Amino acid sequence: MEEIVEAAQIACLLEVSAPKPGNVNRFYNFKDTRYEDFLLSAVAIGGAFREIDKSPVGETILKAVRSTRKYVKINTNLGMILLFTPIAKAYVLGRTGKRKNGGMKERQSGRFVMSFSSFYSAQDLRADLAKVLNSLTVEDARHVYEAIRLANPGGMGKVTDHDIREEVQVPLLEAMAAAAHRDSIAREYTSRFEITFCLGYPTLQHYFTETRDLEKSIVQTYLTLLSEIPDTLIARKQGPDISQNVTTRAREVLQAGGIFSEVGRQKLQELDKFLRSRDNQLNPGTTADLTAAALFVIFLLNGKILQML
């Protein structure tokens, strides 16, 4: 499982390190959250993902959140964990199915290379992901609810159906469906991770193939996601109109070239300043999580990319 652990940890580290507007990164901290908190969180999830082949999805999510809380007392990675875990489980399912065809792990210069990745595609991974999502149970939901309560993410109000403060009585996929209209991560569960596989991953792959600059490709992918998918963390904290306004501003940055043009970079700085203007209440945290999921997929399927950094 080391290739999964490495992919998850590296995705977390590179996502937080990229200078994405409005987020904690290596140049900016929040008042209550520091860059180092995210570095510690990336390390903390390793143990849970190392046992992904033995543990159900909900149990893995809870383990990863518990491990994170040993080092960090504020939510830094719940969204990433919720996105990474079923993808990782699907990858295990795919690897198990492909092993008889020669899909064995190789190592080169201390970095992972999956020999079966050349014929295990994003479409294959998404098909296996659908099987994982359809197999989620009530017990998975109970573990995830406990993980959410422990992480205590921002902007969580009380809802009528399947509130996290109550005992859940339905399978995890059904609980996610009830939240899909207000949370992009829940919507990923009900759409077979449509944002990750149809927008985030192909965008990241495109920009990296064109430029071989992973950091700028991460920022541009983040901007693309933000320009098309209003951030639901912002919506929970500040309302849908503000979230839509941020999406419009991100679209304007992209139209100016984004991080790949001088005018785009100037507008990117203006967007960053705006997003930090309300005591970080405009932090597009869900978009950052979706960006991390795109990174996780690209590292699972294209391990050799790490040799190009």
Protein backbone atom coordinates (compact mmCIF):
# COMPACT_ATOMS: atom_id res chain seq x y z
CA MET A 1 0.00 0.00 0.00
CA GLU A 2 3.01 2.28 0.04
CA GLU A 3 2.24 3.72 -3.39
CA ILE A 4 -1.17 4.84 -2.07
CA VAL A 5 0.36 6.35 1.06
CA GLU A 6 2.97 8.20 -0.98
CA ALA A 7 0.41 9.49 -3.47
CA ALA A 8 -1.89 10.73 -0.69
CA GLN A 9 0.84 12.42 1.32
CA ILE A 10 2.53 14.02 -1.68
CA ALA A 11 -0.82 15.28 -3.00
CA CYS A 12 -1.51 16.94 0.35
CA LEU A 13 1.97 18.47 0.57
CA LEU A 14 2.03 19.86 -2.96
CA GLU A 15 -1.54 21.15 -2.81
CA VAL A 16 -0.95 23.21 0.34
CA SER A 17 2.46 24.41 -0.85
CA ALA A 18 1.14 25.88 -4.11
CA PRO A 19 0.32 29.62 -3.83
CA LYS A 20 -3.42 29.26 -4.37
CA PRO A 21 -5.42 32.44 -3.70
CA GLY A 22 -7.29 32.56 -0.40
CA ASN A 23 -5.74 29.41 1.09
CA VAL A 24 -3.02 28.68 3.60
CA ASN A 25 0.19 28.08 1.68
CA ARG A 26 3.91 28.39 2.23
CA PHE A 27 3.64 32.19 1.99
CA TYR A 28 0.49 32.75 4.10
CA ASN A 29 -0.94 31.48 7.36
CA PHE A 30 -4.39 32.04 8.85
CA LYS A 31 -4.82 33.41 12.34
CA ASP A 32 -5.74 29.97 13.70
CA THR A 33 -4.08 27.69 11.12
CA ARG A 34 -0.49 27.55 9.96
CA TYR A 35 1.22 26.01 6.95
CA GLU A 36 2.98 23.62 9.30
CA ASP A 37 -0.40 22.28 10.45
CA PHE A 38 -1.04 21.02 6.94
CA LEU A 39 2.41 19.45 6.71
CA LEU A 40 1.79 17.56 9.94
CA SER A 41 -1.63 16.53 8.70
CA ALA A 42 -0.14 15.07 5.52
CA VAL A 43 2.17 12.90 7.57
CA ALA A 44 -0.61 11.93 9.99
CA ILE A 45 -2.85 10.23 7.41
CA GLY A 46 -0.18 7.75 6.34
CA GLY A 47 -1.05 5.03 8.84
CA ALA A 48 -4.73 4.94 7.92
CA PHE A 49 -4.05 4.71 4.18
CA ARG A 50 -1.41 2.05 4.73
CA GLU A 51 -4.23 -0.22 5.92
CA ILE A 52 -6.73 0.72 3.20
CA ASP A 53 -6.81 -2.84 1.85
CA LYS A 54 -7.95 -4.16 5.24
CA SER A 55 -10.27 -1.41 6.49
CA PRO A 56 -13.67 -0.24 5.21
CA VAL A 57 -14.05 3.28 3.85
CA GLY A 58 -15.70 4.74 6.93
CA GLU A 59 -13.20 3.21 9.31
CA THR A 60 -10.27 4.52 7.25
CA ILE A 61 -11.75 8.03 7.25
CA LEU A 62 -12.20 7.97 11.01
CA LYS A 63 -8.68 6.60 11.57
CA ALA A 64 -7.17 9.34 9.41
CA VAL A 65 -9.07 12.09 11.22
CA ARG A 66 -8.14 10.67 14.63
CA SER A 67 -4.48 10.52 13.62
CA THR A 68 -4.60 14.10 12.40
CA ARG A 69 -6.10 15.32 15.68
CA LYS A 70 -3.09 13.99 17.55
CA TYR A 71 -1.00 16.70 15.91
CA VAL A 72 -3.44 19.42 14.82
CA LYS A 73 -6.36 20.76 16.84
CA ILE A 74 -8.24 22.38 13.96
CA ASN A 75 -9.71 20.91 10.79
CA THR A 76 -7.09 20.85 8.05
CA ASN A 77 -7.88 17.81 5.93
CA LEU A 78 -11.36 16.32 6.45
CA GLY A 79 -12.40 17.11 2.88
CA MET A 80 -9.26 15.57 1.43
CA ILE A 81 -9.70 12.44 3.52
CA LEU A 82 -13.34 12.09 2.44
CA LEU A 83 -12.28 12.37 -1.21
CA PHE A 84 -9.10 10.30 -1.08
CA THR A 85 -10.47 7.28 0.78
CA PRO A 86 -12.97 5.84 -1.72
CA ILE A 87 -10.54 6.58 -4.55
CA ALA A 88 -7.82 4.68 -2.69
CA LYS A 89 -10.20 1.80 -2.01
CA ALA A 90 -11.10 1.68 -5.70
CA TYR A 91 -7.42 1.62 -6.62
CA VAL A 92 -6.91 -1.39 -4.35
CA LEU A 93 -9.87 -3.09 -6.02
CA GLY A 94 -8.43 -2.38 -9.46
CA ARG A 95 -4.93 -3.48 -8.53
CA THR A 96 -6.27 -6.74 -7.12
CA GLY A 97 -8.15 -7.39 -10.36
CA LYS A 98 -5.15 -6.54 -12.54
CA ARG A 99 -2.55 -8.45 -10.54
CA LYS A 100 -3.15 -11.65 -12.43
CA ASN A 101 -2.27 -9.76 -15.61
CA GLY A 102 1.14 -8.76 -14.32
CA GLY A 103 0.34 -5.58 -12.41
CA MET A 104 3.10 -5.67 -9.81
CA LYS A 105 4.70 -2.78 -8.03
CA GLU A 106 8.18 -1.68 -9.03
CA ARG A 107 10.49 0.83 -7.37
CA GLN A 108 12.95 3.19 -8.94
CA SER A 109 15.16 5.73 -7.14
CA GLY A 110 12.96 5.57 -4.04
CA ARG A 111 9.87 6.73 -5.96
CA PHE A 112 6.93 4.57 -6.89
CA VAL A 113 6.12 3.47 -10.43
CA MET A 114 3.10 1.24 -11.03
CA SER A 115 3.84 -1.16 -13.86
CA PHE A 116 0.14 -1.76 -14.50
CA SER A 117 -0.72 1.96 -14.69
CA SER A 118 -0.15 1.90 -18.46
CA PHE A 119 -3.33 -0.14 -18.88
CA TYR A 120 -5.25 0.92 -15.74
CA SER A 121 -6.84 4.20 -16.79
CA ALA A 122 -8.83 6.95 -15.14
CA GLN A 123 -11.93 5.33 -16.63
CA ASP A 124 -10.99 2.01 -15.00
CA LEU A 125 -10.42 3.73 -11.66
CA ARG A 126 -13.75 5.52 -11.87
CA ALA A 127 -15.54 2.27 -12.72
CA ASP A 128 -14.02 0.61 -9.67
CA LEU A 129 -14.91 3.69 -7.64
CA ALA A 130 -18.57 3.24 -8.56
CA LYS A 131 -18.43 -0.27 -7.09
CA VAL A 132 -16.90 1.06 -3.88
CA LEU A 133 -19.49 3.83 -3.52
CA ASN A 134 -22.39 1.44 -4.12
CA SER A 135 -21.07 -0.89 -1.42
CA LEU A 136 -20.97 1.73 1.36
CA THR A 137 -22.90 0.75 4.48
CA VAL A 138 -24.65 2.25 7.50
CA GLU A 139 -21.54 1.44 9.51
CA ASP A 140 -19.46 3.47 7.05
CA ALA A 141 -21.88 6.36 7.60
CA ARG A 142 -21.58 6.09 11.39
CA HIS A 143 -17.79 6.19 11.21
CA VAL A 144 -17.87 9.16 8.83
CA TYR A 145 -20.31 11.06 11.05
CA GLU A 146 -18.02 10.50 14.00
CA ALA A 147 -15.07 11.71 11.92
CA ILE A 148 -16.95 14.88 10.92
CA ARG A 149 -17.88 15.62 14.52
CA LEU A 150 -14.26 15.12 15.56
CA ALA A 151 -12.87 17.32 12.78
CA ASN A 152 -15.54 19.97 13.44
CA PRO A 153 -15.38 21.72 10.06
CA GLY A 154 -16.51 25.32 9.71
CA GLY A 155 -19.95 26.41 8.60
CA MET A 156 -21.83 23.29 9.66
CA GLY A 157 -25.39 24.30 10.52
CA LYS A 158 -28.24 22.06 11.60
CA VAL A 159 -30.16 20.26 8.86
CA THR A 160 -33.40 18.32 8.79
CA ASP A 161 -32.22 15.08 7.18
CA HIS A 162 -29.30 13.07 8.58
CA ASP A 163 -27.80 15.85 10.70
CA ILE A 164 -24.27 14.96 11.81
CA ARG A 165 -25.20 15.47 15.47
CA GLU A 166 -27.71 12.63 15.28
CA GLU A 167 -27.30 8.88 14.94
CA VAL A 168 -27.30 8.05 11.26
CA GLN A 169 -29.57 5.22 10.13
CA VAL A 170 -28.86 5.06 6.39
CA PRO A 171 -25.90 3.93 4.24
CA LEU A 172 -23.21 6.54 3.64
CA LEU A 173 -24.14 7.09 -0.01
CA GLU A 174 -27.73 7.93 0.96
CA ALA A 175 -26.51 10.32 3.65
CA MET A 176 -24.23 12.01 1.12
CA ALA A 177 -27.12 12.31 -1.34
CA ALA A 178 -29.08 14.32 1.25
CA ALA A 179 -26.19 16.81 1.45
CA ALA A 180 -25.23 16.88 -2.22
CA HIS A 181 -27.16 20.08 -3.00
CA ARG A 182 -25.16 22.04 -0.45
CA ASP A 183 -21.74 20.35 -0.41
CA SER A 184 -19.51 19.56 -3.38
CA ILE A 185 -17.74 16.72 -1.58
CA ALA A 186 -21.04 15.00 -0.84
CA ARG A 187 -21.99 15.58 -4.48
CA GLU A 188 -18.83 13.78 -5.57
CA TYR A 189 -20.06 10.65 -3.80
CA THR A 190 -23.38 10.75 -5.64
CA SER A 191 -21.89 11.54 -9.07
CA ARG A 192 -19.03 8.99 -9.11
CA PHE A 193 -16.64 11.89 -8.48
CA GLU A 194 -17.64 13.79 -11.60
CA ILE A 195 -15.76 16.96 -10.65
CA THR A 196 -12.55 15.06 -9.92
CA PHE A 197 -12.56 12.86 -13.02
CA CYS A 198 -14.22 15.14 -15.57
CA LEU A 199 -12.74 18.52 -14.59
CA GLY A 200 -10.00 18.45 -11.95
CA TYR A 201 -7.86 15.54 -13.13
CA PRO A 202 -8.03 16.30 -16.89
CA THR A 203 -7.31 19.98 -16.27
CA LEU A 204 -4.28 19.22 -14.13
CA GLN A 205 -3.04 16.63 -16.61
CA HIS A 206 -3.48 19.08 -19.51
CA TYR A 207 -1.59 21.95 -17.92
CA PHE A 208 1.23 19.78 -16.65
CA THR A 209 1.62 18.08 -20.03
CA GLU A 210 1.78 21.49 -21.71
CA THR A 211 4.11 23.24 -19.25
CA ARG A 212 5.90 20.65 -17.09
CA ASP A 213 5.39 23.17 -14.27
CA LEU A 214 3.43 21.32 -11.59
CA GLU A 215 3.06 24.21 -9.15
CA LYS A 216 1.56 26.54 -11.76
CA SER A 217 -0.59 23.69 -13.06
CA ILE A 218 -1.97 23.16 -9.55
CA VAL A 219 -2.87 26.86 -9.23
CA GLN A 220 -4.46 26.92 -12.69
CA THR A 221 -6.46 23.77 -11.91
CA TYR A 222 -7.66 25.34 -8.66
CA LEU A 223 -8.73 28.48 -10.55
CA THR A 224 -10.53 26.36 -13.14
CA LEU A 225 -12.46 24.49 -10.46
CA LEU A 226 -13.29 27.70 -8.62
CA SER A 227 -14.41 29.39 -11.86
CA GLU A 228 -16.90 26.61 -12.64
CA ILE A 229 -17.97 25.22 -9.24
CA PRO A 230 -19.02 27.77 -6.59
CA ASP A 231 -17.18 26.88 -3.40
CA THR A 232 -19.58 25.31 -0.92
CA LEU A 233 -17.49 26.16 2.15
CA ILE A 234 -17.81 29.83 1.25
CA ALA A 235 -21.53 29.30 0.60
CA ARG A 236 -22.04 27.77 4.06
CA LYS A 237 -20.18 30.60 5.77
CA GLN A 238 -21.15 33.63 3.69
CA GLY A 239 -24.07 32.56 1.54
CA PRO A 240 -24.52 31.43 -2.08
CA ASP A 241 -24.42 34.93 -3.55
CA ILE A 242 -20.93 35.57 -2.15
CA SER A 243 -19.78 32.15 -3.32
CA GLN A 244 -21.04 32.90 -6.82
CA ASN A 245 -19.27 36.26 -6.74
CA VAL A 246 -15.99 34.49 -5.97
CA THR A 247 -16.60 32.13 -8.89
CA THR A 248 -17.13 35.10 -11.20
CA ARG A 249 -13.90 36.71 -10.02
CA ALA A 250 -11.98 33.46 -10.56
CA ARG A 251 -13.38 33.24 -14.08
CA GLU A 252 -12.09 36.74 -14.81
CA VAL A 253 -8.62 35.70 -13.64
CA LEU A 254 -8.68 32.71 -15.97
CA GLN A 255 -9.90 34.79 -18.90
CA ALA A 256 -6.82 36.99 -18.38
CA GLY A 257 -4.57 33.93 -18.61
CA GLY A 258 -4.46 32.94 -14.97
CA ILE A 259 -1.06 32.19 -13.52
CA PHE A 260 0.43 31.76 -17.01
CA SER A 261 0.18 35.44 -18.03
CA GLU A 262 1.40 38.70 -16.54
CA VAL A 263 -2.07 40.26 -16.53
CA GLY A 264 -3.51 37.04 -15.12
CA ARG A 265 -0.98 36.99 -12.28
CA GLN A 266 -1.87 40.59 -11.42
CA LYS A 267 -5.55 39.67 -11.26
CA LEU A 268 -4.63 36.57 -9.28
CA GLN A 269 -3.02 38.78 -6.63
CA GLU A 270 -6.15 40.95 -6.55
CA LEU A 271 -8.30 37.86 -6.06
CA ASP A 272 -6.00 36.63 -3.30
CA LYS A 273 -6.26 39.98 -1.51
CA PHE A 274 -10.06 39.92 -1.78
CA LEU A 275 -10.33 36.36 -0.46
CA ARG A 276 -8.22 37.27 2.58
CA SER A 277 -10.18 40.45 3.32
CA ARG A 278 -12.82 39.00 5.66
CA ASP A 279 -10.69 37.24 8.25
CA ASN A 280 -10.44 34.23 5.92
CA GLN A 281 -14.20 33.70 5.79
CA LEU A 282 -13.83 33.60 2.00
CA ASN A 283 -11.38 30.70 2.03
CA PRO A 284 -12.27 28.37 -0.89
CA GLY A 285 -11.47 25.31 1.18
CA THR A 286 -13.67 22.89 -0.75
CA THR A 287 -11.97 23.89 -3.99
CA ALA A 288 -8.60 23.17 -2.38
CA ASP A 289 -9.84 19.70 -1.41
CA LEU A 290 -11.01 19.01 -4.96
CA THR A 291 -7.63 20.15 -6.27
CA ALA A 292 -5.93 17.73 -3.91
CA ALA A 293 -8.16 14.92 -5.19
CA ALA A 294 -7.05 15.66 -8.76
CA LEU A 295 -3.44 15.45 -7.61
CA PHE A 296 -4.08 12.17 -5.82
CA VAL A 297 -5.55 10.63 -8.97
CA ILE A 298 -2.74 11.84 -11.21
CA PHE A 299 -0.10 10.42 -8.85
CA LEU A 300 -1.88 7.08 -8.56
CA LEU A 301 -2.20 6.73 -12.32
CA ASN A 302 1.01 8.45 -13.40
CA GLY A 303 3.62 7.71 -10.76
CA LYS A 304 6.41 8.67 -13.14
CA ILE A 305 5.29 12.29 -12.94
CA LEU A 306 7.21 12.55 -9.68
CA GLN A 307 10.45 11.95 -11.56
CA MET A 308 9.77 15.07 -13.60
CA LEU A 309 9.55 17.48 -10.66
